[in-house]
Amino acid sequence: MDKSLIDELSQLKKSEKLILVEALWDSIASDPSEVEVPEHHKAIITERLKTLEKDKESGSSWEKVRQKYL
């Protein structure tokens, strides 16, 4: 990236930077298939699914949690 562009962006007000970040994020999120999921994220998901499978009986349904706390 061009250093002059970075210098120019650093001069923006925080509110303007937030608008820019939101626009950048929206452009990235518009096609999630283009964003590769890191392998360590996949490993965490796999591990959590295994834990869920083992502990199905110890948890509570969303309906029970919602009734109790909301």
PDB file of N, CA and C in Angstrom:
ATOM      1  N   MET A   1       0.855  -1.172   0.000  1.00  0.00           N
ATOM      2  CA  MET A   1       0.000   0.000   0.000  1.00  0.00           C
ATOM      3  C   MET A   1       0.902   1.235   0.000  1.00  0.00           C
ATOM      4  N   ASP A   2       0.483   2.237  -0.693  1.00  0.00           N
ATOM      5  CA  ASP A   2       1.238   3.483  -0.832  1.00  0.00           C
ATOM      6  C   ASP A   2       1.326   4.210   0.512  1.00  0.00           C
ATOM      7  N   LYS A   3       2.550   4.589   0.924  1.00  0.00           N
ATOM      8  CA  LYS A   3       2.755   5.269   2.201  1.00  0.00           C
ATOM      9  C   LYS A   3       1.992   6.586   2.264  1.00  0.00           C
ATOM     10  N   SER A   4       1.882   7.285   1.144  1.00  0.00           N
ATOM     11  CA  SER A   4       1.151   8.557   1.154  1.00  0.00           C
ATOM     12  C   SER A   4      -0.328   8.341   1.466  1.00  0.00           C
ATOM     13  N   LEU A   5      -0.872   7.227   1.009  1.00  0.00           N
ATOM     14  CA  LEU A   5      -2.264   6.906   1.330  1.00  0.00           C
ATOM     15  C   LEU A   5      -2.416   6.642   2.824  1.00  0.00           C
ATOM     16  N   ILE A   6      -1.485   5.899   3.389  1.00  0.00           N
ATOM     17  CA  ILE A   6      -1.526   5.617   4.829  1.00  0.00           C
ATOM     18  C   ILE A   6      -1.395   6.918   5.621  1.00  0.00           C
ATOM     19  N   ASP A   7      -0.494   7.781   5.201  1.00  0.00           N
ATOM     20  CA  ASP A   7      -0.333   9.076   5.865  1.00  0.00           C
ATOM     21  C   ASP A   7      -1.618   9.894   5.788  1.00  0.00           C
ATOM     22  N   GLU A   8      -2.251   9.854   4.626  1.00  0.00           N
ATOM     23  CA  GLU A   8      -3.493  10.599   4.443  1.00  0.00           C
ATOM     24  C   GLU A   8      -4.607  10.028   5.334  1.00  0.00           C
ATOM     25  N   LEU A   9      -4.694   8.708   5.390  1.00  0.00           N
ATOM     26  CA  LEU A   9      -5.718   8.076   6.219  1.00  0.00           C
ATOM     27  C   LEU A   9      -5.492   8.358   7.700  1.00  0.00           C
ATOM     28  N   SER A  10      -4.239   8.465   8.107  1.00  0.00           N
ATOM     29  CA  SER A  10      -3.958   8.729   9.519  1.00  0.00           C
ATOM     30  C   SER A  10      -4.406  10.124   9.936  1.00  0.00           C
ATOM     31  N   GLN A  11      -4.627  11.010   8.971  1.00  0.00           N
ATOM     32  CA  GLN A  11      -5.083  12.372   9.264  1.00  0.00           C
ATOM     33  C   GLN A  11      -6.607  12.461   9.460  1.00  0.00           C
ATOM     34  N   LEU A  12      -7.311  11.381   9.155  1.00  0.00           N
ATOM     35  CA  LEU A  12      -8.768  11.401   9.312  1.00  0.00           C
ATOM     36  C   LEU A  12      -9.167  11.485  10.778  1.00  0.00           C
ATOM     37  N   LYS A  13     -10.336  12.076  11.022  1.00  0.00           N
ATOM     38  CA  LYS A  13     -10.909  12.078  12.373  1.00  0.00           C
ATOM     39  C   LYS A  13     -11.327  10.648  12.707  1.00  0.00           C
ATOM     40  N   LYS A  14     -11.448  10.372  13.991  1.00  0.00           N
ATOM     41  CA  LYS A  14     -11.855   9.015  14.406  1.00  0.00           C
ATOM     42  C   LYS A  14     -13.212   8.630  13.804  1.00  0.00           C
ATOM     43  N   SER A  15     -14.129   9.570  13.783  1.00  0.00           N
ATOM     44  CA  SER A  15     -15.448   9.266  13.222  1.00  0.00           C
ATOM     45  C   SER A  15     -15.345   8.903  11.736  1.00  0.00           C
ATOM     46  N   GLU A  16     -14.458   9.568  11.028  1.00  0.00           N
ATOM     47  CA  GLU A  16     -14.255   9.261   9.612  1.00  0.00           C
ATOM     48  C   GLU A  16     -13.580   7.905   9.440  1.00  0.00           C
ATOM     49  N   LYS A  17     -12.646   7.590  10.330  1.00  0.00           N
ATOM     50  CA  LYS A  17     -11.980   6.288  10.285  1.00  0.00           C
ATOM     51  C   LYS A  17     -12.981   5.169  10.525  1.00  0.00           C
ATOM     52  N   LEU A  18     -13.909   5.389  11.450  1.00  0.00           N
ATOM     53  CA  LEU A  18     -14.930   4.368  11.720  1.00  0.00           C
ATOM     54  C   LEU A  18     -15.815   4.139  10.500  1.00  0.00           C
ATOM     55  N   ILE A  19     -16.174   5.208   9.813  1.00  0.00           N
ATOM     56  CA  ILE A  19     -16.970   5.079   8.592  1.00  0.00           C
ATOM     57  C   ILE A  19     -16.198   4.275   7.553  1.00  0.00           C
ATOM     58  N   LEU A  20     -14.905   4.566   7.425  1.00  0.00           N
ATOM     59  CA  LEU A  20     -14.060   3.844   6.478  1.00  0.00           C
ATOM     60  C   LEU A  20     -13.949   2.363   6.847  1.00  0.00           C
ATOM     61  N   VAL A  21     -13.743   2.080   8.128  1.00  0.00           N
ATOM     62  CA  VAL A  21     -13.648   0.687   8.586  1.00  0.00           C
ATOM     63  C   VAL A  21     -14.949  -0.046   8.294  1.00  0.00           C
ATOM     64  N   GLU A  22     -16.073   0.594   8.563  1.00  0.00           N
ATOM     65  CA  GLU A  22     -17.372  -0.033   8.291  1.00  0.00           C
ATOM     66  C   GLU A  22     -17.536  -0.336   6.803  1.00  0.00           C
ATOM     67  N   ALA A  23     -17.140   0.611   5.960  1.00  0.00           N
ATOM     68  CA  ALA A  23     -17.247   0.401   4.513  1.00  0.00           C
ATOM     69  C   ALA A  23     -16.336  -0.740   4.061  1.00  0.00           C
ATOM     70  N   LEU A  24     -15.122  -0.787   4.611  1.00  0.00           N
ATOM     71  CA  LEU A  24     -14.201  -1.882   4.277  1.00  0.00           C
ATOM     72  C   LEU A  24     -14.777  -3.223   4.711  1.00  0.00           C
ATOM     73  N   TRP A  25     -15.301  -3.264   5.945  1.00  0.00           N
ATOM     74  CA  TRP A  25     -15.862  -4.519   6.459  1.00  0.00           C
ATOM     75  C   TRP A  25     -17.041  -4.964   5.598  1.00  0.00           C
ATOM     76  N   ASP A  26     -17.912  -4.034   5.245  1.00  0.00           N
ATOM     77  CA  ASP A  26     -19.063  -4.380   4.403  1.00  0.00           C
ATOM     78  C   ASP A  26     -18.605  -4.961   3.067  1.00  0.00           C
ATOM     79  N   SER A  27     -17.534  -4.419   2.509  1.00  0.00           N
ATOM     80  CA  SER A  27     -17.050  -4.931   1.221  1.00  0.00           C
ATOM     81  C   SER A  27     -16.463  -6.337   1.382  1.00  0.00           C
ATOM     82  N   ILE A  28     -15.842  -6.607   2.520  1.00  0.00           N
ATOM     83  CA  ILE A  28     -15.300  -7.950   2.785  1.00  0.00           C
ATOM     84  C   ILE A  28     -16.436  -8.931   3.032  1.00  0.00           C
ATOM     85  N   ALA A  29     -17.406  -8.517   3.844  1.00  0.00           N
ATOM     86  CA  ALA A  29     -18.504  -9.401   4.241  1.00  0.00           C
ATOM     87  C   ALA A  29     -19.500  -9.647   3.118  1.00  0.00           C
ATOM     88  N   SER A  30     -19.444  -8.850   2.059  1.00  0.00           N
ATOM     89  CA  SER A  30     -20.418  -9.008   0.982  1.00  0.00           C
ATOM     90  C   SER A  30     -20.282 -10.359   0.280  1.00  0.00           C
ATOM     91  N   ASP A  31     -19.100 -10.965   0.333  1.00  0.00           N
ATOM     92  CA  ASP A  31     -18.903 -12.288  -0.262  1.00  0.00           C
ATOM     93  C   ASP A  31     -18.025 -13.126   0.675  1.00  0.00           C
ATOM     94  N   PRO A  32     -18.641 -13.713   1.718  1.00  0.00           N
ATOM     95  CA  PRO A  32     -17.874 -14.471   2.713  1.00  0.00           C
ATOM     96  C   PRO A  32     -17.120 -15.660   2.131  1.00  0.00           C
ATOM     97  N   SER A  33     -17.538 -16.142   0.976  1.00  0.00           N
ATOM     98  CA  SER A  33     -16.847 -17.295   0.392  1.00  0.00           C
ATOM     99  C   SER A  33     -15.418 -16.942  -0.018  1.00  0.00           C
ATOM    100  N   GLU A  34     -15.144 -15.664  -0.179  1.00  0.00           N
ATOM    101  CA  GLU A  34     -13.801 -15.238  -0.551  1.00  0.00           C
ATOM    102  C   GLU A  34     -12.865 -15.109   0.650  1.00  0.00           C
ATOM    103  N   VAL A  35     -13.423 -15.197   1.865  1.00  0.00           N
ATOM    104  CA  VAL A  35     -12.617 -15.069   3.081  1.00  0.00           C
ATOM    105  C   VAL A  35     -12.329 -16.468   3.601  1.00  0.00           C
ATOM    106  N   GLU A  36     -11.057 -16.821   3.595  1.00  0.00           N
ATOM    107  CA  GLU A  36     -10.666 -18.159   4.027  1.00  0.00           C
ATOM    108  C   GLU A  36     -10.662 -18.249   5.556  1.00  0.00           C
ATOM    109  N   VAL A  37     -11.228 -19.322   6.075  1.00  0.00           N
ATOM    110  CA  VAL A  37     -11.229 -19.565   7.516  1.00  0.00           C
ATOM    111  C   VAL A  37      -9.875 -20.164   7.890  1.00  0.00           C
ATOM    112  N   PRO A  38      -9.174 -19.541   8.846  1.00  0.00           N
ATOM    113  CA  PRO A  38      -7.862 -20.065   9.244  1.00  0.00           C
ATOM    114  C   PRO A  38      -7.969 -21.477   9.828  1.00  0.00           C
ATOM    115  N   GLU A  39      -6.947 -22.264   9.627  1.00  0.00           N
ATOM    116  CA  GLU A  39      -6.945 -23.649  10.104  1.00  0.00           C
ATOM    117  C   GLU A  39      -7.130 -23.737  11.613  1.00  0.00           C
ATOM    118  N   HIS A  40      -6.540 -22.803  12.369  1.00  0.00           N
ATOM    119  CA  HIS A  40      -6.693 -22.880  13.824  1.00  0.00           C
ATOM    120  C   HIS A  40      -8.139 -22.605  14.246  1.00  0.00           C
ATOM    121  N   HIS A  41      -8.885 -21.823  13.484  1.00  0.00           N
ATOM    122  CA  HIS A  41     -10.309 -21.631  13.769  1.00  0.00           C
ATOM    123  C   HIS A  41     -11.078 -22.926  13.500  1.00  0.00           C
ATOM    124  N   LYS A  42     -10.743 -23.580  12.406  1.00  0.00           N
ATOM    125  CA  LYS A  42     -11.396 -24.853  12.081  1.00  0.00           C
ATOM    126  C   LYS A  42     -11.131 -25.886  13.171  1.00  0.00           C
ATOM    127  N   ALA A  43      -9.901 -25.893  13.709  1.00  0.00           N
ATOM    128  CA  ALA A  43      -9.555 -26.841  14.774  1.00  0.00           C
ATOM    129  C   ALA A  43     -10.369 -26.572  16.026  1.00  0.00           C
ATOM    130  N   ILE A  44     -10.559 -25.305  16.359  1.00  0.00           N
ATOM    131  CA  ILE A  44     -11.363 -24.946  17.533  1.00  0.00           C
ATOM    132  C   ILE A  44     -12.806 -25.393  17.342  1.00  0.00           C
ATOM    133  N   ILE A  45     -13.359 -25.152  16.181  1.00  0.00           N
ATOM    134  CA  ILE A  45     -14.744 -25.561  15.902  1.00  0.00           C
ATOM    135  C   ILE A  45     -14.878 -27.067  16.005  1.00  0.00           C
ATOM    136  N   THR A  46     -13.944 -27.803  15.433  1.00  0.00           N
ATOM    137  CA  THR A  46     -13.974 -29.267  15.495  1.00  0.00           C
ATOM    138  C   THR A  46     -13.941 -29.738  16.940  1.00  0.00           C
ATOM    139  N   GLU A  47     -13.061 -29.145  17.748  1.00  0.00           N
ATOM    140  CA  GLU A  47     -12.940 -29.534  19.157  1.00  0.00           C
ATOM    141  C   GLU A  47     -14.221 -29.227  19.926  1.00  0.00           C
ATOM    142  N   ARG A  48     -14.813 -28.098  19.661  1.00  0.00           N
ATOM    143  CA  ARG A  48     -16.057 -27.721  20.359  1.00  0.00           C
ATOM    144  C   ARG A  48     -17.214 -28.610  19.948  1.00  0.00           C
ATOM    145  N   LEU A  49     -17.256 -29.004  18.693  1.00  0.00           N
ATOM    146  CA  LEU A  49     -18.300 -29.932  18.251  1.00  0.00           C
ATOM    147  C   LEU A  49     -18.145 -31.288  18.928  1.00  0.00           C
ATOM    148  N   LYS A  50     -16.895 -31.738  19.107  1.00  0.00           N
ATOM    149  CA  LYS A  50     -16.655 -32.998  19.815  1.00  0.00           C
ATOM    150  C   LYS A  50     -17.125 -32.897  21.265  1.00  0.00           C
ATOM    151  N   THR A  51     -16.810 -31.771  21.902  1.00  0.00           N
ATOM    152  CA  THR A  51     -17.233 -31.551  23.290  1.00  0.00           C
ATOM    153  C   THR A  51     -18.750 -31.520  23.376  1.00  0.00           C
ATOM    154  N   LEU A  52     -19.387 -30.853  22.451  1.00  0.00           N
ATOM    155  CA  LEU A  52     -20.851 -30.807  22.425  1.00  0.00           C
ATOM    156  C   LEU A  52     -21.433 -32.207  22.291  1.00  0.00           C
ATOM    157  N   GLU A  53     -20.859 -32.985  21.419  1.00  0.00           N
ATOM    158  CA  GLU A  53     -21.336 -34.354  21.194  1.00  0.00           C
ATOM    159  C   GLU A  53     -21.225 -35.186  22.473  1.00  0.00           C
ATOM    160  N   LYS A  54     -20.120 -35.015  23.219  1.00  0.00           N
ATOM    161  CA  LYS A  54     -19.915 -35.771  24.458  1.00  0.00           C
ATOM    162  C   LYS A  54     -20.824 -35.300  25.583  1.00  0.00           C
ATOM    163  N   ASP A  55     -21.130 -34.008  25.616  1.00  0.00           N
ATOM    164  CA  ASP A  55     -21.843 -33.425  26.755  1.00  0.00           C
ATOM    165  C   ASP A  55     -23.272 -33.010  26.435  1.00  0.00           C
ATOM    166  N   LYS A  56     -23.927 -33.692  25.538  1.00  0.00           N
ATOM    167  CA  LYS A  56     -25.285 -33.307  25.144  1.00  0.00           C
ATOM    168  C   LYS A  56     -26.249 -33.256  26.326  1.00  0.00           C
ATOM    169  N   GLU A  57     -26.103 -34.164  27.270  1.00  0.00           N
ATOM    170  CA  GLU A  57     -27.037 -34.243  28.384  1.00  0.00           C
ATOM    171  C   GLU A  57     -26.795 -33.179  29.454  1.00  0.00           C
ATOM    172  N   SER A  58     -25.589 -32.617  29.541  1.00  0.00           N
ATOM    173  CA  SER A  58     -25.291 -31.698  30.642  1.00  0.00           C
ATOM    174  C   SER A  58     -25.726 -30.261  30.368  1.00  0.00           C
ATOM    175  N   GLY A  59     -26.055 -29.913  29.152  1.00  0.00           N
ATOM    176  CA  GLY A  59     -26.444 -28.551  28.819  1.00  0.00           C
ATOM    177  C   GLY A  59     -27.937 -28.325  28.962  1.00  0.00           C
ATOM    178  N   SER A  60     -28.340 -27.097  28.678  1.00  0.00           N
ATOM    179  CA  SER A  60     -29.752 -26.725  28.715  1.00  0.00           C
ATOM    180  C   SER A  60     -30.154 -26.224  27.331  1.00  0.00           C
ATOM    181  N   SER A  61     -31.389 -26.437  26.991  1.00  0.00           N
ATOM    182  CA  SER A  61     -31.887 -25.937  25.711  1.00  0.00           C
ATOM    183  C   SER A  61     -32.011 -24.419  25.783  1.00  0.00           C
ATOM    184  N   TRP A  62     -32.027 -23.788  24.618  1.00  0.00           N
ATOM    185  CA  TRP A  62     -32.210 -22.343  24.571  1.00  0.00           C
ATOM    186  C   TRP A  62     -33.533 -21.958  25.208  1.00  0.00           C
ATOM    187  N   GLU A  63     -34.553 -22.751  24.997  1.00  0.00           N
ATOM    188  CA  GLU A  63     -35.872 -22.463  25.565  1.00  0.00           C
ATOM    189  C   GLU A  63     -35.802 -22.402  27.089  1.00  0.00           C
ATOM    190  N   LYS A  64     -35.123 -23.357  27.727  1.00  0.00           N
ATOM    191  CA  LYS A  64     -34.995 -23.359  29.189  1.00  0.00           C
ATOM    192  C   LYS A  64     -34.175 -22.170  29.677  1.00  0.00           C
ATOM    193  N   VAL A  65     -33.106 -21.858  28.995  1.00  0.00           N
ATOM    194  CA  VAL A  65     -32.264 -20.722  29.383  1.00  0.00           C
ATOM    195  C   VAL A  65     -33.055 -19.426  29.255  1.00  0.00           C
ATOM    196  N   ARG A  66     -33.767 -19.277  28.161  1.00  0.00           N
ATOM    197  CA  ARG A  66     -34.546 -18.072  27.933  1.00  0.00           C
ATOM    198  C   ARG A  66     -35.614 -17.903  29.001  1.00  0.00           C
ATOM    199  N   GLN A  67     -36.315 -18.979  29.345  1.00  0.00           N
ATOM    200  CA  GLN A  67     -37.350 -18.900  30.381  1.00  0.00           C
ATOM    201  C   GLN A  67     -36.766 -18.540  31.733  1.00  0.00           C
ATOM    202  N   LYS A  68     -35.592 -19.056  32.028  1.00  0.00           N
ATOM    203  CA  LYS A  68     -34.983 -18.835  33.342  1.00  0.00           C
ATOM    204  C   LYS A  68     -34.412 -17.426  33.480  1.00  0.00           C
ATOM    205  N   TYR A  69     -33.773 -16.908  32.431  1.00  0.00           N
ATOM    206  CA  TYR A  69     -33.018 -15.676  32.564  1.00  0.00           C
ATOM    207  C   TYR A  69     -33.622 -14.463  31.860  1.00  0.00           C
ATOM    208  N   LEU A  70     -34.549 -14.672  30.952  1.00  0.00           N
ATOM    209  CA  LEU A  70     -35.104 -13.508  30.243  1.00  0.00           C
ATOM    210  C   LEU A  70     -36.527 -13.215  30.625  1.00  0.00           C
TER     211      LEU A  70
END
